[in-house]
Structures are given as structure tokens and as C-alpha cells.
Amino acid sequence: MKNNIYFKWFMESLREDQKKDYQQYSLNEQKNWYIGYLEDHYSVKSAKSTLITLESVGAIIDKKTLLVYPLFKNNMPDFDNPMDLKYCSSEWIENLNKVDIDILTNL
């Protein structure tokens, strides 16, 4: 729930032209912009360097903790619902593309 409030405040902080730009960004650009906002406003430091987007499964992974966070439809991470990588379903793993498999292999 806390993440939803932060995201609401983030979106409210944007001008209309920024909102349109934001919607055109890739997942990584959106994530970086949002994390930058969190770092600037809520003392959330070093998150950017540990989060990696897994686009094929609509999730991000924290490379330090190996926790996987699903992405909302607006491409923001759902930090309230982490899943340890070792408990991800076989269906989830089968949906990984080669790029994301390479990312996970190199963690």
C-alpha cells in the first residue's frame, strides 16, 4: 500500500507534459525516473543500482536480495509483494526470454 501512495504523489508532482513524456518512456526509463523521485523525496538511496528490469515477465529483481517484484500496469514495481527468486513458478521461469535469462544467470 505504501508504494501506491508514493506513486500517487509522484504522478501528482508531474506537469501534464511530463506525464505524457513519462508514458512514452521505456520500462527502464520509467523505473529510473520514479526511483530518482523516491531518492530525492524520501531518502531511498542506492535502490537504482540494485534493481534490474525483467521485461519478459513484467517484473524487477533486486540483485542484492534476489527478491522479485511484479510490475503494475503502469510499470511501477509493487514493492509490497516481493517473491524470493527461488520460489518463482516454473511457468514464470518458462516465460523468461534469453536476455532476462542471461541477467539472472549473471547475478
C-alpha atoms as a PDB file:
ATOM      1  CA  MET A   1       0.000   0.000   0.000  1.00  0.00           C
ATOM      2  CA  LYS A   2       2.827   2.414   0.822  1.00  0.00           C
ATOM      3  CA  ASN A   3       4.206   2.124  -2.728  1.00  0.00           C
ATOM      4  CA  ASN A   4       0.817   3.080  -4.181  1.00  0.00           C
ATOM      5  CA  ILE A   5       0.801   6.278  -2.126  1.00  0.00           C
ATOM      6  CA  TYR A   6       4.343   7.186  -3.200  1.00  0.00           C
ATOM      7  CA  PHE A   7       3.463   6.568  -6.817  1.00  0.00           C
ATOM      8  CA  LYS A   8       0.309   8.686  -6.490  1.00  0.00           C
ATOM      9  CA  TRP A   9       2.389  11.538  -5.067  1.00  0.00           C
ATOM     10  CA  PHE A  10       4.951  11.044  -7.809  1.00  0.00           C
ATOM     11  CA  MET A  11       2.326  11.301 -10.567  1.00  0.00           C
ATOM     12  CA  GLU A  12       0.735  14.322  -8.890  1.00  0.00           C
ATOM     13  CA  SER A  13       4.130  16.047  -8.859  1.00  0.00           C
ATOM     14  CA  LEU A  14       4.389  15.866 -12.650  1.00  0.00           C
ATOM     15  CA  ARG A  15       3.153  18.549 -15.001  1.00  0.00           C
ATOM     16  CA  GLU A  16       0.801  17.389 -17.773  1.00  0.00           C
ATOM     17  CA  ASP A  17       3.594  17.496 -20.382  1.00  0.00           C
ATOM     18  CA  GLN A  18       5.819  15.413 -18.073  1.00  0.00           C
ATOM     19  CA  LYS A  19       3.040  12.845 -17.637  1.00  0.00           C
ATOM     20  CA  LYS A  20       2.789  12.467 -21.416  1.00  0.00           C
ATOM     21  CA  ASP A  21       6.567  12.098 -21.696  1.00  0.00           C
ATOM     22  CA  TYR A  22       6.594   9.567 -18.868  1.00  0.00           C
ATOM     23  CA  GLN A  23       4.024   7.380 -20.626  1.00  0.00           C
ATOM     24  CA  GLN A  24       6.257   7.253 -23.722  1.00  0.00           C
ATOM     25  CA  TYR A  25       9.355   6.088 -21.827  1.00  0.00           C
ATOM     26  CA  SER A  26      10.615   2.507 -21.779  1.00  0.00           C
ATOM     27  CA  LEU A  27      10.218   0.450 -18.605  1.00  0.00           C
ATOM     28  CA  ASN A  28      13.800   1.187 -17.540  1.00  0.00           C
ATOM     29  CA  GLU A  29      13.400   4.927 -18.112  1.00  0.00           C
ATOM     30  CA  GLN A  30      10.139   4.967 -16.135  1.00  0.00           C
ATOM     31  CA  LYS A  31      11.718   2.973 -13.313  1.00  0.00           C
ATOM     32  CA  ASN A  32      14.760   5.261 -13.198  1.00  0.00           C
ATOM     33  CA  TRP A  33      12.616   8.402 -13.142  1.00  0.00           C
ATOM     34  CA  TYR A  34      10.430   7.040 -10.340  1.00  0.00           C
ATOM     35  CA  ILE A  35      13.397   5.810  -8.301  1.00  0.00           C
ATOM     36  CA  GLY A  36      15.039   9.203  -8.756  1.00  0.00           C
ATOM     37  CA  TYR A  37      11.894  10.785  -7.333  1.00  0.00           C
ATOM     38  CA  LEU A  38      11.950   8.418  -4.344  1.00  0.00           C
ATOM     39  CA  GLU A  39      15.645   9.124  -3.737  1.00  0.00           C
ATOM     40  CA  ASP A  40      15.090  12.877  -3.889  1.00  0.00           C
ATOM     41  CA  HIS A  41      11.996  12.954  -1.687  1.00  0.00           C
ATOM     42  CA  TYR A  42      12.138  10.008   0.707  1.00  0.00           C
ATOM     43  CA  SER A  43      15.816   9.202   1.314  1.00  0.00           C
ATOM     44  CA  VAL A  44      15.615   5.949  -0.631  1.00  0.00           C
ATOM     45  CA  LYS A  45      19.274   5.586  -1.592  1.00  0.00           C
ATOM     46  CA  SER A  46      21.087   3.020  -3.725  1.00  0.00           C
ATOM     47  CA  ALA A  47      17.876   1.404  -4.987  1.00  0.00           C
ATOM     48  CA  LYS A  48      18.626   2.300  -8.587  1.00  0.00           C
ATOM     49  CA  SER A  49      21.856   0.336  -8.685  1.00  0.00           C
ATOM     50  CA  THR A  50      20.341  -2.887  -7.336  1.00  0.00           C
ATOM     51  CA  LEU A  51      17.107  -3.126  -9.361  1.00  0.00           C
ATOM     52  CA  ILE A  52      17.058  -4.792 -12.783  1.00  0.00           C
ATOM     53  CA  THR A  53      14.011  -4.967 -15.045  1.00  0.00           C
ATOM     54  CA  LEU A  54      12.952  -8.364 -16.363  1.00  0.00           C
ATOM     55  CA  GLU A  55      10.759  -7.177 -19.206  1.00  0.00           C
ATOM     56  CA  SER A  56       9.687 -10.606 -20.469  1.00  0.00           C
ATOM     57  CA  VAL A  57       7.882 -11.403 -17.210  1.00  0.00           C
ATOM     58  CA  GLY A  58       6.824  -7.902 -16.173  1.00  0.00           C
ATOM     59  CA  ALA A  59       8.950  -7.759 -13.049  1.00  0.00           C
ATOM     60  CA  ILE A  60      12.084  -6.320 -11.490  1.00  0.00           C
ATOM     61  CA  ILE A  61      14.644  -8.124  -9.380  1.00  0.00           C
ATOM     62  CA  ASP A  62      16.823  -6.752  -6.634  1.00  0.00           C
ATOM     63  CA  LYS A  63      20.246  -8.182  -7.418  1.00  0.00           C
ATOM     64  CA  LYS A  64      21.348  -7.965  -3.770  1.00  0.00           C
ATOM     65  CA  THR A  65      18.388  -9.741  -2.178  1.00  0.00           C
ATOM     66  CA  LEU A  66      17.187 -11.776  -5.211  1.00  0.00           C
ATOM     67  CA  LEU A  67      13.651 -10.627  -4.464  1.00  0.00           C
ATOM     68  CA  VAL A  68      11.384 -10.321  -7.479  1.00  0.00           C
ATOM     69  CA  TYR A  69       8.727  -7.600  -7.567  1.00  0.00           C
ATOM     70  CA  PRO A  70       5.867  -7.669 -10.083  1.00  0.00           C
ATOM     71  CA  LEU A  71       5.207  -4.548 -12.095  1.00  0.00           C
ATOM     72  CA  PHE A  72       1.850  -2.803 -12.028  1.00  0.00           C
ATOM     73  CA  LYS A  73       0.129  -1.999 -15.323  1.00  0.00           C
ATOM     74  CA  ASN A  74       1.720   1.454 -15.069  1.00  0.00           C
ATOM     75  CA  ASN A  75       5.152  -0.298 -14.993  1.00  0.00           C
ATOM     76  CA  MET A  76       5.907   0.673 -11.407  1.00  0.00           C
ATOM     77  CA  PRO A  77       7.190  -2.037  -9.061  1.00  0.00           C
ATOM     78  CA  ASP A  78       4.851  -3.490  -6.467  1.00  0.00           C
ATOM     79  CA  PHE A  79       7.262  -3.349  -3.528  1.00  0.00           C
ATOM     80  CA  ASP A  80       4.519  -4.655  -1.240  1.00  0.00           C
ATOM     81  CA  ASN A  81       4.556  -8.118  -2.889  1.00  0.00           C
ATOM     82  CA  PRO A  82       8.100  -9.457  -3.171  1.00  0.00           C
ATOM     83  CA  MET A  83       8.831 -13.071  -4.074  1.00  0.00           C
ATOM     84  CA  ASP A  84      12.131 -14.810  -3.499  1.00  0.00           C
ATOM     85  CA  LEU A  85      13.567 -15.869  -6.863  1.00  0.00           C
ATOM     86  CA  LYS A  86      13.848 -19.480  -5.739  1.00  0.00           C
ATOM     87  CA  TYR A  87      10.065 -19.637  -5.232  1.00  0.00           C
ATOM     88  CA  CYS A  88       9.055 -18.327  -8.667  1.00  0.00           C
ATOM     89  CA  SER A  89       6.832 -20.766 -10.547  1.00  0.00           C
ATOM     90  CA  SER A  90       8.038 -22.925 -13.422  1.00  0.00           C
ATOM     91  CA  GLU A  91       5.548 -21.097 -15.672  1.00  0.00           C
ATOM     92  CA  TRP A  92       7.166 -17.761 -14.726  1.00  0.00           C
ATOM     93  CA  ILE A  93      10.629 -19.175 -15.476  1.00  0.00           C
ATOM     94  CA  GLU A  94       9.465 -20.587 -18.833  1.00  0.00           C
ATOM     95  CA  ASN A  95       8.272 -17.105 -19.840  1.00  0.00           C
ATOM     96  CA  LEU A  96      11.733 -15.557 -19.411  1.00  0.00           C
ATOM     97  CA  ASN A  97      13.339 -14.509 -22.676  1.00  0.00           C
ATOM     98  CA  LYS A  98      17.046 -15.047 -23.425  1.00  0.00           C
ATOM     99  CA  VAL A  99      18.014 -11.526 -22.305  1.00  0.00           C
ATOM    100  CA  ASP A 100      16.340 -11.981 -18.917  1.00  0.00           C
ATOM    101  CA  ILE A 101      17.777 -15.495 -18.507  1.00  0.00           C
ATOM    102  CA  ASP A 102      21.238 -14.016 -19.109  1.00  0.00           C
ATOM    103  CA  ILE A 103      20.555 -11.338 -16.490  1.00  0.00           C
ATOM    104  CA  LEU A 104      19.539 -13.929 -13.904  1.00  0.00           C
ATOM    105  CA  THR A 105      22.449 -16.215 -14.774  1.00  0.00           C
ATOM    106  CA  ASN A 106      24.918 -13.395 -14.122  1.00  0.00           C
ATOM    107  CA  LEU A 107      23.561 -12.361 -10.719  1.00  0.00           C
END
